[in-house]
Amino acid sequence: MDMQFMENEQSSRPLCLISGGSSGIGLATAQLFASHGYDISICGRSATKLLEAKNLILEANPSVECLSLPADFNDVEQAQLVANE
């Protein structure tokens, strides 16, 4: 599988955007990519759960950047805001 990632403007590491990143498979995926040196942007509906997930990711991977973006992708405008971020 050929996977392409955006370059992070603040670092030379690739950036991975994960929706549903505050729990379950999304959080596990974010943790996996972070453990391989990727900067992470996680999205989800709960700002509180996103902050908890961000703290878990950074605790285990202090050298990466992790951005949490509260958004409900059922709302097209919110999804567009995340895409523009």
Protein backbone atom coordinates (compact mmCIF):
# COMPACT_ATOMS: atom_id res chain seq x y z
CA MET A 1 0.00 0.00 0.00
CA ASP A 2 1.44 3.38 -1.00
CA MET A 3 0.70 5.89 1.77
CA GLN A 4 1.43 9.58 1.43
CA PHE A 5 1.50 12.02 4.33
CA MET A 6 1.57 15.79 4.50
CA GLU A 7 4.76 17.41 5.67
CA ASN A 8 4.31 19.27 8.91
CA GLU A 9 5.10 22.96 8.44
CA GLN A 10 6.70 23.15 11.92
CA SER A 11 8.88 20.05 11.61
CA SER A 12 10.38 17.65 9.10
CA ARG A 13 8.28 14.74 10.42
CA PRO A 14 5.24 13.56 8.46
CA LEU A 15 1.84 14.50 9.82
CA CYS A 16 -1.01 12.02 10.23
CA LEU A 17 -4.63 13.17 10.70
CA ILE A 18 -6.85 10.67 12.52
CA SER A 19 -10.59 11.09 12.99
CA GLY A 20 -12.06 9.38 16.03
CA GLY A 21 -8.65 9.73 17.66
CA SER A 22 -9.87 10.17 21.21
CA SER A 23 -10.60 6.48 21.89
CA GLY A 24 -10.67 2.94 20.56
CA ILE A 25 -9.11 2.12 17.21
CA GLY A 26 -8.54 5.79 16.41
CA LEU A 27 -6.51 6.35 19.57
CA ALA A 28 -4.58 3.11 19.04
CA THR A 29 -3.78 4.21 15.48
CA ALA A 30 -2.61 7.62 16.69
CA GLN A 31 -0.40 5.99 19.33
CA LEU A 32 1.08 3.64 16.73
CA PHE A 33 1.94 6.42 14.28
CA ALA A 34 3.35 8.59 17.09
CA SER A 35 5.54 5.69 18.22
CA HIS A 36 7.01 5.66 14.70
CA GLY A 37 7.83 9.38 14.88
CA TYR A 38 4.83 10.88 13.11
CA ASP A 39 3.31 14.14 14.28
CA ILE A 40 -0.38 13.60 14.97
CA SER A 41 -3.60 15.55 14.59
CA ILE A 42 -6.53 13.83 16.27
CA CYS A 43 -10.17 14.77 15.76
CA GLY A 44 -13.25 13.82 17.71
CA ARG A 45 -16.44 15.24 19.15
CA SER A 46 -15.38 15.50 22.80
CA ALA A 47 -12.75 18.13 23.62
CA THR A 48 -12.25 16.52 27.04
CA LYS A 49 -11.58 13.05 25.60
CA LEU A 50 -9.30 14.55 22.97
CA LEU A 51 -7.21 16.28 25.63
CA GLU A 52 -6.92 13.01 27.57
CA ALA A 53 -5.87 11.19 24.39
CA LYS A 54 -3.38 13.92 23.50
CA ASN A 55 -1.81 13.63 26.96
CA LEU A 56 -1.51 9.84 26.59
CA ILE A 57 0.13 10.19 23.18
CA LEU A 58 2.60 12.85 24.34
CA GLU A 59 3.41 11.01 27.56
CA ALA A 60 4.56 8.00 25.59
CA ASN A 61 6.06 10.01 22.70
CA PRO A 62 7.38 13.35 23.98
CA SER A 63 9.34 14.13 20.81
CA VAL A 64 6.26 14.35 18.53
CA GLU A 65 3.70 17.09 18.14
CA CYS A 66 0.04 16.30 18.79
CA LEU A 67 -2.79 18.63 17.88
CA SER A 68 -6.34 17.91 19.07
CA LEU A 69 -9.19 19.28 17.00
CA PRO A 70 -12.73 18.98 18.38
CA ALA A 71 -15.06 18.39 15.44
CA ASP A 72 -18.09 16.35 14.41
CA PHE A 73 -17.49 15.04 10.90
CA ASN A 74 -21.25 14.57 10.44
CA ASP A 75 -21.25 18.36 10.06
CA VAL A 76 -19.70 19.23 6.69
CA GLU A 77 -18.67 22.71 7.85
CA GLN A 78 -16.75 21.29 10.82
CA ALA A 79 -15.03 18.75 8.59
CA GLN A 80 -14.03 21.54 6.21
CA LEU A 81 -12.60 23.59 9.08
CA VAL A 82 -10.42 20.65 10.11
CA ALA A 83 -9.27 20.15 6.51
CA ASN A 84 -8.26 23.80 6.32
CA GLU A 85 -6.39 23.61 9.64
